[in-house]
Amino acid sequence: QVQLVESGGGLVQPGGSLRLSCAVSGSISNIYHMGWYRQAPGKQRELVAGITSGGSTNYADSVKGRFTISRDNAKNTVWLQMNSLKPEDTAVYYCHADMVLSHYWGQGTQVTVSS
């Protein structure tokens, strides 16, 4: 079992920044990919950014150059640094862990970008 707990969401003005954290606990040794997803009202959940156990990253086109995903294996934490936030970034953000035979989701954290 793996537990994922997100934090760091909130209300921010357009152009502002937030950093989301995902604390990972449990049987983490077989996690090969961690990702941040988001889901806006009435829309499908989408991958925002991902990072492999080797450190390779990928991003949705809509966030490239603005968001940065990183991980600290010693601290079992994954972060999503979000800069130059836009109203269209408003969504619930979820942390996700991929393992060979299973996957896990966090409970989500709300990010609202509004003036």
N, C-alpha and C. Protein backbone atom coordinates (compact mmCIF):
# COMPACT_ATOMS: atom_id res chain seq x y z
N GLN A 1 0.83 -1.20 0.00
CA GLN A 1 0.00 0.00 0.00
C GLN A 1 0.86 1.25 0.00
N VAL A 2 0.38 2.25 -0.73
CA VAL A 2 1.05 3.54 -0.80
C VAL A 2 0.04 4.61 -0.44
N GLN A 3 0.48 5.57 0.37
CA GLN A 3 -0.37 6.70 0.72
C GLN A 3 0.24 7.98 0.16
N LEU A 4 -0.60 8.81 -0.43
CA LEU A 4 -0.18 10.08 -1.01
C LEU A 4 -0.98 11.20 -0.36
N VAL A 5 -0.29 12.20 0.16
CA VAL A 5 -0.97 13.32 0.80
C VAL A 5 -0.48 14.62 0.18
N GLU A 6 -1.39 15.32 -0.49
CA GLU A 6 -1.05 16.59 -1.12
C GLU A 6 -1.25 17.75 -0.17
N SER A 7 -0.51 18.81 -0.40
CA SER A 7 -0.69 20.06 0.33
C SER A 7 -0.17 21.20 -0.53
N GLY A 8 -0.53 22.42 -0.14
CA GLY A 8 0.00 23.59 -0.82
C GLY A 8 -0.96 24.31 -1.74
N GLY A 9 -2.16 23.79 -1.89
CA GLY A 9 -3.12 24.48 -2.73
C GLY A 9 -3.65 25.73 -2.06
N GLY A 10 -4.44 26.51 -2.82
CA GLY A 10 -5.02 27.72 -2.26
C GLY A 10 -5.48 28.66 -3.34
N LEU A 11 -5.75 29.88 -2.91
CA LEU A 11 -6.19 30.94 -3.82
C LEU A 11 -5.01 31.85 -4.13
N VAL A 12 -4.82 32.12 -5.42
CA VAL A 12 -3.71 32.97 -5.84
C VAL A 12 -4.18 33.85 -6.99
N GLN A 13 -3.61 35.03 -7.10
CA GLN A 13 -3.97 35.92 -8.19
C GLN A 13 -3.28 35.51 -9.48
N PRO A 14 -3.85 35.86 -10.61
CA PRO A 14 -3.18 35.57 -11.88
C PRO A 14 -1.76 36.13 -11.88
N GLY A 15 -0.83 35.33 -12.40
CA GLY A 15 0.57 35.72 -12.41
C GLY A 15 1.33 35.27 -11.17
N GLY A 16 0.62 34.79 -10.18
CA GLY A 16 1.24 34.36 -8.94
C GLY A 16 1.81 32.95 -9.02
N SER A 17 2.32 32.49 -7.88
CA SER A 17 2.96 31.18 -7.80
C SER A 17 2.43 30.38 -6.62
N LEU A 18 2.47 29.07 -6.77
CA LEU A 18 2.19 28.14 -5.69
C LEU A 18 3.11 26.96 -5.83
N ARG A 19 3.39 26.30 -4.72
CA ARG A 19 4.14 25.05 -4.77
C ARG A 19 3.33 23.97 -4.06
N LEU A 20 3.01 22.95 -4.82
CA LEU A 20 2.30 21.80 -4.27
C LEU A 20 3.29 20.74 -3.82
N SER A 21 2.95 20.07 -2.73
CA SER A 21 3.78 18.99 -2.22
C SER A 21 2.97 17.70 -2.15
N CYS A 22 3.63 16.59 -2.38
CA CYS A 22 3.00 15.28 -2.26
C CYS A 22 3.91 14.41 -1.40
N ALA A 23 3.46 14.12 -0.20
CA ALA A 23 4.21 13.25 0.70
C ALA A 23 3.81 11.81 0.45
N VAL A 24 4.80 10.97 0.21
CA VAL A 24 4.57 9.58 -0.16
C VAL A 24 5.01 8.68 0.99
N SER A 25 4.16 7.75 1.38
CA SER A 25 4.52 6.81 2.44
C SER A 25 4.03 5.42 2.07
N GLY A 26 4.57 4.42 2.76
CA GLY A 26 4.17 3.05 2.48
C GLY A 26 5.23 2.32 1.68
N SER A 27 4.80 1.39 0.87
CA SER A 27 5.71 0.55 0.07
C SER A 27 6.08 1.27 -1.22
N ILE A 28 7.05 2.15 -1.12
CA ILE A 28 7.34 3.05 -2.24
C ILE A 28 8.46 2.55 -3.14
N SER A 29 9.09 1.45 -2.81
CA SER A 29 10.29 1.06 -3.54
C SER A 29 10.01 0.70 -4.99
N ASN A 30 8.78 0.32 -5.32
CA ASN A 30 8.46 -0.08 -6.69
C ASN A 30 7.74 1.00 -7.49
N ILE A 31 7.73 2.22 -6.99
CA ILE A 31 7.12 3.32 -7.74
C ILE A 31 8.07 3.73 -8.85
N TYR A 32 7.63 3.67 -10.11
CA TYR A 32 8.51 4.04 -11.21
C TYR A 32 8.14 5.37 -11.84
N HIS A 33 6.99 5.89 -11.51
CA HIS A 33 6.57 7.16 -12.09
C HIS A 33 5.65 7.87 -11.10
N MET A 34 5.90 9.18 -10.94
CA MET A 34 5.01 10.02 -10.13
C MET A 34 4.48 11.12 -11.03
N GLY A 35 3.23 11.49 -10.81
CA GLY A 35 2.66 12.53 -11.64
C GLY A 35 1.71 13.43 -10.88
N TRP A 36 1.54 14.61 -11.43
CA TRP A 36 0.51 15.54 -10.97
C TRP A 36 -0.55 15.64 -12.07
N TYR A 37 -1.79 15.42 -11.69
CA TYR A 37 -2.93 15.56 -12.58
C TYR A 37 -3.81 16.68 -12.05
N ARG A 38 -4.69 17.15 -12.91
CA ARG A 38 -5.67 18.13 -12.45
C ARG A 38 -7.01 17.87 -13.12
N GLN A 39 -8.05 18.31 -12.42
CA GLN A 39 -9.39 18.16 -12.96
C GLN A 39 -10.18 19.42 -12.65
N ALA A 40 -10.58 20.10 -13.70
CA ALA A 40 -11.42 21.29 -13.57
C ALA A 40 -12.88 20.87 -13.66
N PRO A 41 -13.80 21.68 -13.13
CA PRO A 41 -15.22 21.33 -13.18
C PRO A 41 -15.69 21.08 -14.60
N GLY A 42 -16.35 19.95 -14.82
CA GLY A 42 -16.88 19.63 -16.13
C GLY A 42 -15.86 19.12 -17.13
N LYS A 43 -14.63 18.93 -16.69
CA LYS A 43 -13.57 18.48 -17.59
C LYS A 43 -12.98 17.17 -17.11
N GLN A 44 -12.32 16.48 -18.03
CA GLN A 44 -11.65 15.23 -17.67
C GLN A 44 -10.36 15.51 -16.92
N ARG A 45 -9.97 14.56 -16.10
CA ARG A 45 -8.70 14.67 -15.41
C ARG A 45 -7.58 14.57 -16.44
N GLU A 46 -6.57 15.43 -16.31
CA GLU A 46 -5.47 15.44 -17.27
C GLU A 46 -4.13 15.44 -16.56
N LEU A 47 -3.14 14.85 -17.24
CA LEU A 47 -1.78 14.85 -16.71
C LEU A 47 -1.18 16.24 -16.90
N VAL A 48 -0.66 16.79 -15.82
CA VAL A 48 0.01 18.09 -15.86
C VAL A 48 1.52 17.92 -16.01
N ALA A 49 2.09 17.04 -15.17
CA ALA A 49 3.54 16.82 -15.18
C ALA A 49 3.83 15.46 -14.59
N GLY A 50 4.91 14.84 -15.06
CA GLY A 50 5.30 13.55 -14.54
C GLY A 50 6.80 13.45 -14.40
N ILE A 51 7.25 12.56 -13.52
CA ILE A 51 8.68 12.36 -13.32
C ILE A 51 8.92 10.89 -13.02
N THR A 52 9.92 10.32 -13.68
CA THR A 52 10.24 8.92 -13.47
C THR A 52 11.19 8.75 -12.29
N SER A 53 11.41 7.51 -11.91
CA SER A 53 12.34 7.24 -10.82
C SER A 53 13.75 7.68 -11.18
N GLY A 54 14.04 7.75 -12.48
CA GLY A 54 15.35 8.20 -12.93
C GLY A 54 15.47 9.69 -13.10
N GLY A 55 14.36 10.40 -12.91
CA GLY A 55 14.41 11.86 -12.98
C GLY A 55 13.95 12.46 -14.29
N SER A 56 13.55 11.66 -15.27
CA SER A 56 13.04 12.20 -16.52
C SER A 56 11.67 12.81 -16.29
N THR A 57 11.44 13.96 -16.93
CA THR A 57 10.19 14.68 -16.73
C THR A 57 9.42 14.87 -18.03
N ASN A 58 8.12 15.05 -17.90
CA ASN A 58 7.28 15.40 -19.04
C ASN A 58 6.19 16.34 -18.56
N TYR A 59 5.74 17.21 -19.46
CA TYR A 59 4.77 18.23 -19.11
C TYR A 59 3.68 18.36 -20.17
N ALA A 60 2.50 18.74 -19.72
CA ALA A 60 1.46 19.11 -20.67
C ALA A 60 1.89 20.39 -21.38
N ASP A 61 1.52 20.52 -22.63
CA ASP A 61 1.92 21.70 -23.41
C ASP A 61 1.45 22.98 -22.73
N SER A 62 0.30 22.92 -22.08
CA SER A 62 -0.28 24.13 -21.49
C SER A 62 0.50 24.66 -20.30
N VAL A 63 1.39 23.86 -19.74
CA VAL A 63 2.14 24.31 -18.55
C VAL A 63 3.63 24.36 -18.78
N LYS A 64 4.09 23.96 -19.95
CA LYS A 64 5.54 23.99 -20.22
C LYS A 64 6.09 25.39 -20.05
N GLY A 65 7.22 25.47 -19.35
CA GLY A 65 7.85 26.76 -19.12
C GLY A 65 7.31 27.48 -17.90
N ARG A 66 6.21 27.00 -17.34
CA ARG A 66 5.63 27.64 -16.16
C ARG A 66 5.67 26.73 -14.93
N PHE A 67 5.50 25.45 -15.13
CA PHE A 67 5.47 24.48 -14.04
C PHE A 67 6.74 23.63 -14.04
N THR A 68 7.16 23.24 -12.85
CA THR A 68 8.31 22.36 -12.72
C THR A 68 8.02 21.27 -11.69
N ILE A 69 8.21 20.03 -12.11
CA ILE A 69 8.04 18.91 -11.18
C ILE A 69 9.41 18.46 -10.71
N SER A 70 9.49 18.10 -9.44
CA SER A 70 10.76 17.61 -8.89
C SER A 70 10.45 16.59 -7.79
N ARG A 71 11.47 15.83 -7.44
CA ARG A 71 11.27 14.84 -6.39
C ARG A 71 12.53 14.72 -5.54
N ASP A 72 12.33 14.35 -4.30
CA ASP A 72 13.43 14.07 -3.40
C ASP A 72 13.19 12.68 -2.85
N ASN A 73 13.94 11.71 -3.36
CA ASN A 73 13.71 10.32 -2.96
C ASN A 73 14.01 10.10 -1.48
N ALA A 74 14.96 10.83 -0.95
CA ALA A 74 15.30 10.67 0.47
C ALA A 74 14.16 11.14 1.37
N LYS A 75 13.45 12.17 0.91
CA LYS A 75 12.34 12.72 1.70
C LYS A 75 10.99 12.14 1.26
N ASN A 76 11.01 11.29 0.24
CA ASN A 76 9.76 10.69 -0.26
C ASN A 76 8.72 11.77 -0.57
N THR A 77 9.17 12.79 -1.27
CA THR A 77 8.29 13.91 -1.58
C THR A 77 8.44 14.31 -3.04
N VAL A 78 7.32 14.68 -3.64
CA VAL A 78 7.29 15.20 -4.99
C VAL A 78 6.66 16.59 -4.94
N TRP A 79 7.24 17.52 -5.66
CA TRP A 79 6.72 18.88 -5.67
C TRP A 79 6.27 19.30 -7.08
N LEU A 80 5.39 20.24 -7.11
CA LEU A 80 5.01 20.89 -8.36
C LEU A 80 5.08 22.39 -8.13
N GLN A 81 6.11 23.01 -8.69
CA GLN A 81 6.24 24.46 -8.61
C GLN A 81 5.47 25.06 -9.77
N MET A 82 4.53 25.94 -9.45
CA MET A 82 3.66 26.52 -10.47
C MET A 82 3.86 28.03 -10.47
N ASN A 83 4.35 28.54 -11.57
CA ASN A 83 4.59 29.99 -11.72
C ASN A 83 3.70 30.53 -12.82
N SER A 84 3.57 31.86 -12.85
CA SER A 84 2.78 32.54 -13.88
C SER A 84 1.40 31.91 -14.02
N LEU A 85 0.76 31.70 -12.90
CA LEU A 85 -0.52 31.00 -12.91
C LEU A 85 -1.60 31.81 -13.64
N LYS A 86 -2.47 31.06 -14.31
CA LYS A 86 -3.56 31.64 -15.10
C LYS A 86 -4.90 31.15 -14.55
N PRO A 87 -5.96 31.89 -14.79
CA PRO A 87 -7.29 31.41 -14.34
C PRO A 87 -7.61 30.01 -14.84
N GLU A 88 -7.15 29.66 -16.03
CA GLU A 88 -7.44 28.33 -16.57
C GLU A 88 -6.66 27.22 -15.87
N ASP A 89 -5.75 27.58 -14.97
CA ASP A 89 -5.07 26.56 -14.16
C ASP A 89 -5.91 26.15 -12.95
N THR A 90 -7.03 26.82 -12.73
CA THR A 90 -7.91 26.48 -11.62
C THR A 90 -8.43 25.07 -11.76
N ALA A 91 -8.22 24.27 -10.72
CA ALA A 91 -8.62 22.86 -10.74
C ALA A 91 -8.28 22.22 -9.40
N VAL A 92 -8.74 21.00 -9.23
CA VAL A 92 -8.24 20.16 -8.14
C VAL A 92 -7.03 19.41 -8.68
N TYR A 93 -5.95 19.49 -7.95
CA TYR A 93 -4.70 18.86 -8.38
C TYR A 93 -4.48 17.59 -7.55
N TYR A 94 -4.16 16.51 -8.26
CA TYR A 94 -3.99 15.21 -7.63
C TYR A 94 -2.57 14.68 -7.87
N CYS A 95 -2.03 14.09 -6.84
CA CYS A 95 -0.77 13.38 -6.94
C CYS A 95 -1.07 11.92 -7.30
N HIS A 96 -0.22 11.33 -8.12
CA HIS A 96 -0.45 9.96 -8.59
C HIS A 96 0.85 9.19 -8.60
N ALA A 97 0.77 7.92 -8.22
CA ALA A 97 1.95 7.05 -8.21
C ALA A 97 1.68 5.81 -9.04
N ASP A 98 2.59 5.51 -9.95
CA ASP A 98 2.51 4.32 -10.79
C ASP A 98 3.45 3.25 -10.28
N MET A 99 2.91 2.04 -10.09
CA MET A 99 3.73 0.88 -9.77
C MET A 99 3.46 -0.18 -10.81
N VAL A 100 4.20 -1.26 -10.78
CA VAL A 100 4.09 -2.28 -11.83
C VAL A 100 2.67 -2.85 -11.91
N LEU A 101 2.10 -3.17 -10.78
CA LEU A 101 0.78 -3.83 -10.79
C LEU A 101 -0.33 -3.00 -10.18
N SER A 102 -0.05 -1.76 -9.84
CA SER A 102 -1.08 -0.94 -9.22
C SER A 102 -0.74 0.53 -9.38
N HIS A 103 -1.69 1.37 -9.00
CA HIS A 103 -1.44 2.80 -8.98
C HIS A 103 -2.27 3.41 -7.86
N TYR A 104 -1.87 4.60 -7.42
CA TYR A 104 -2.51 5.24 -6.29
C TYR A 104 -2.73 6.72 -6.55
N TRP A 105 -3.78 7.25 -5.92
CA TRP A 105 -4.12 8.67 -6.02
C TRP A 105 -4.14 9.30 -4.63
N GLY A 106 -3.76 10.57 -4.58
CA GLY A 106 -3.98 11.34 -3.38
C GLY A 106 -5.40 11.86 -3.35
N GLN A 107 -5.72 12.61 -2.31
CA GLN A 107 -7.09 13.08 -2.12
C GLN A 107 -7.36 14.36 -2.90
N GLY A 108 -6.32 15.01 -3.36
CA GLY A 108 -6.47 16.23 -4.15
C GLY A 108 -6.36 17.49 -3.32
N THR A 109 -5.91 18.55 -3.98
CA THR A 109 -5.82 19.86 -3.33
C THR A 109 -6.31 20.92 -4.33
N GLN A 110 -7.14 21.84 -3.85
CA GLN A 110 -7.75 22.82 -4.72
C GLN A 110 -6.80 23.97 -5.00
N VAL A 111 -6.67 24.31 -6.28
CA VAL A 111 -5.93 25.50 -6.70
C VAL A 111 -6.91 26.41 -7.43
N THR A 112 -7.03 27.64 -6.95
CA THR A 112 -7.91 28.62 -7.56
C THR A 112 -7.11 29.85 -7.94
N VAL A 113 -7.16 30.21 -9.20
CA VAL A 113 -6.45 31.38 -9.72
C VAL A 113 -7.49 32.42 -10.09
N SER A 114 -7.54 33.47 -9.31
CA SER A 114 -8.58 34.48 -9.52
C SER A 114 -8.17 35.80 -8.90
N SER A 115 -8.60 36.89 -9.53
CA SER A 115 -8.35 38.20 -8.96
C SER A 115 -9.51 38.64 -8.08
